[in-house]
Amino acid sequence: MCNPIEGCFSVLKAAVKRYLALSHGIMLNAPRGQMQEQRMQLLEQAAASCMDCINLRLVNNMALHCAQAVAAAKHRELMEYDT
């Protein structure tokens, strides 16, 4: 990964998914004809609630990770994946 924002968005996306998983019942119990609006409101709430997971420390860590990946690629080092 050579773009720090990709890692930050990945963290945000995971947090939003966790929030939505906990709110699964709310999504399914919307009145007929209001499901789309209810889901959109829930998604907006999830984004607002999870936005604080993107902070300066995360951005700095992602930038460092990308810089290290680019430096390793320049030296033709093999990529290592955490599993």
Foldseek 3Di string as FASTA:
>chain_A
DQDLVVVVVVQLVVQLVVQCVVVVVQLVPDPPPCNVVSVVVSSVVSNVVSVVVDDPVSSVVSNVVNVVVVVCVVVVHDDDDDD
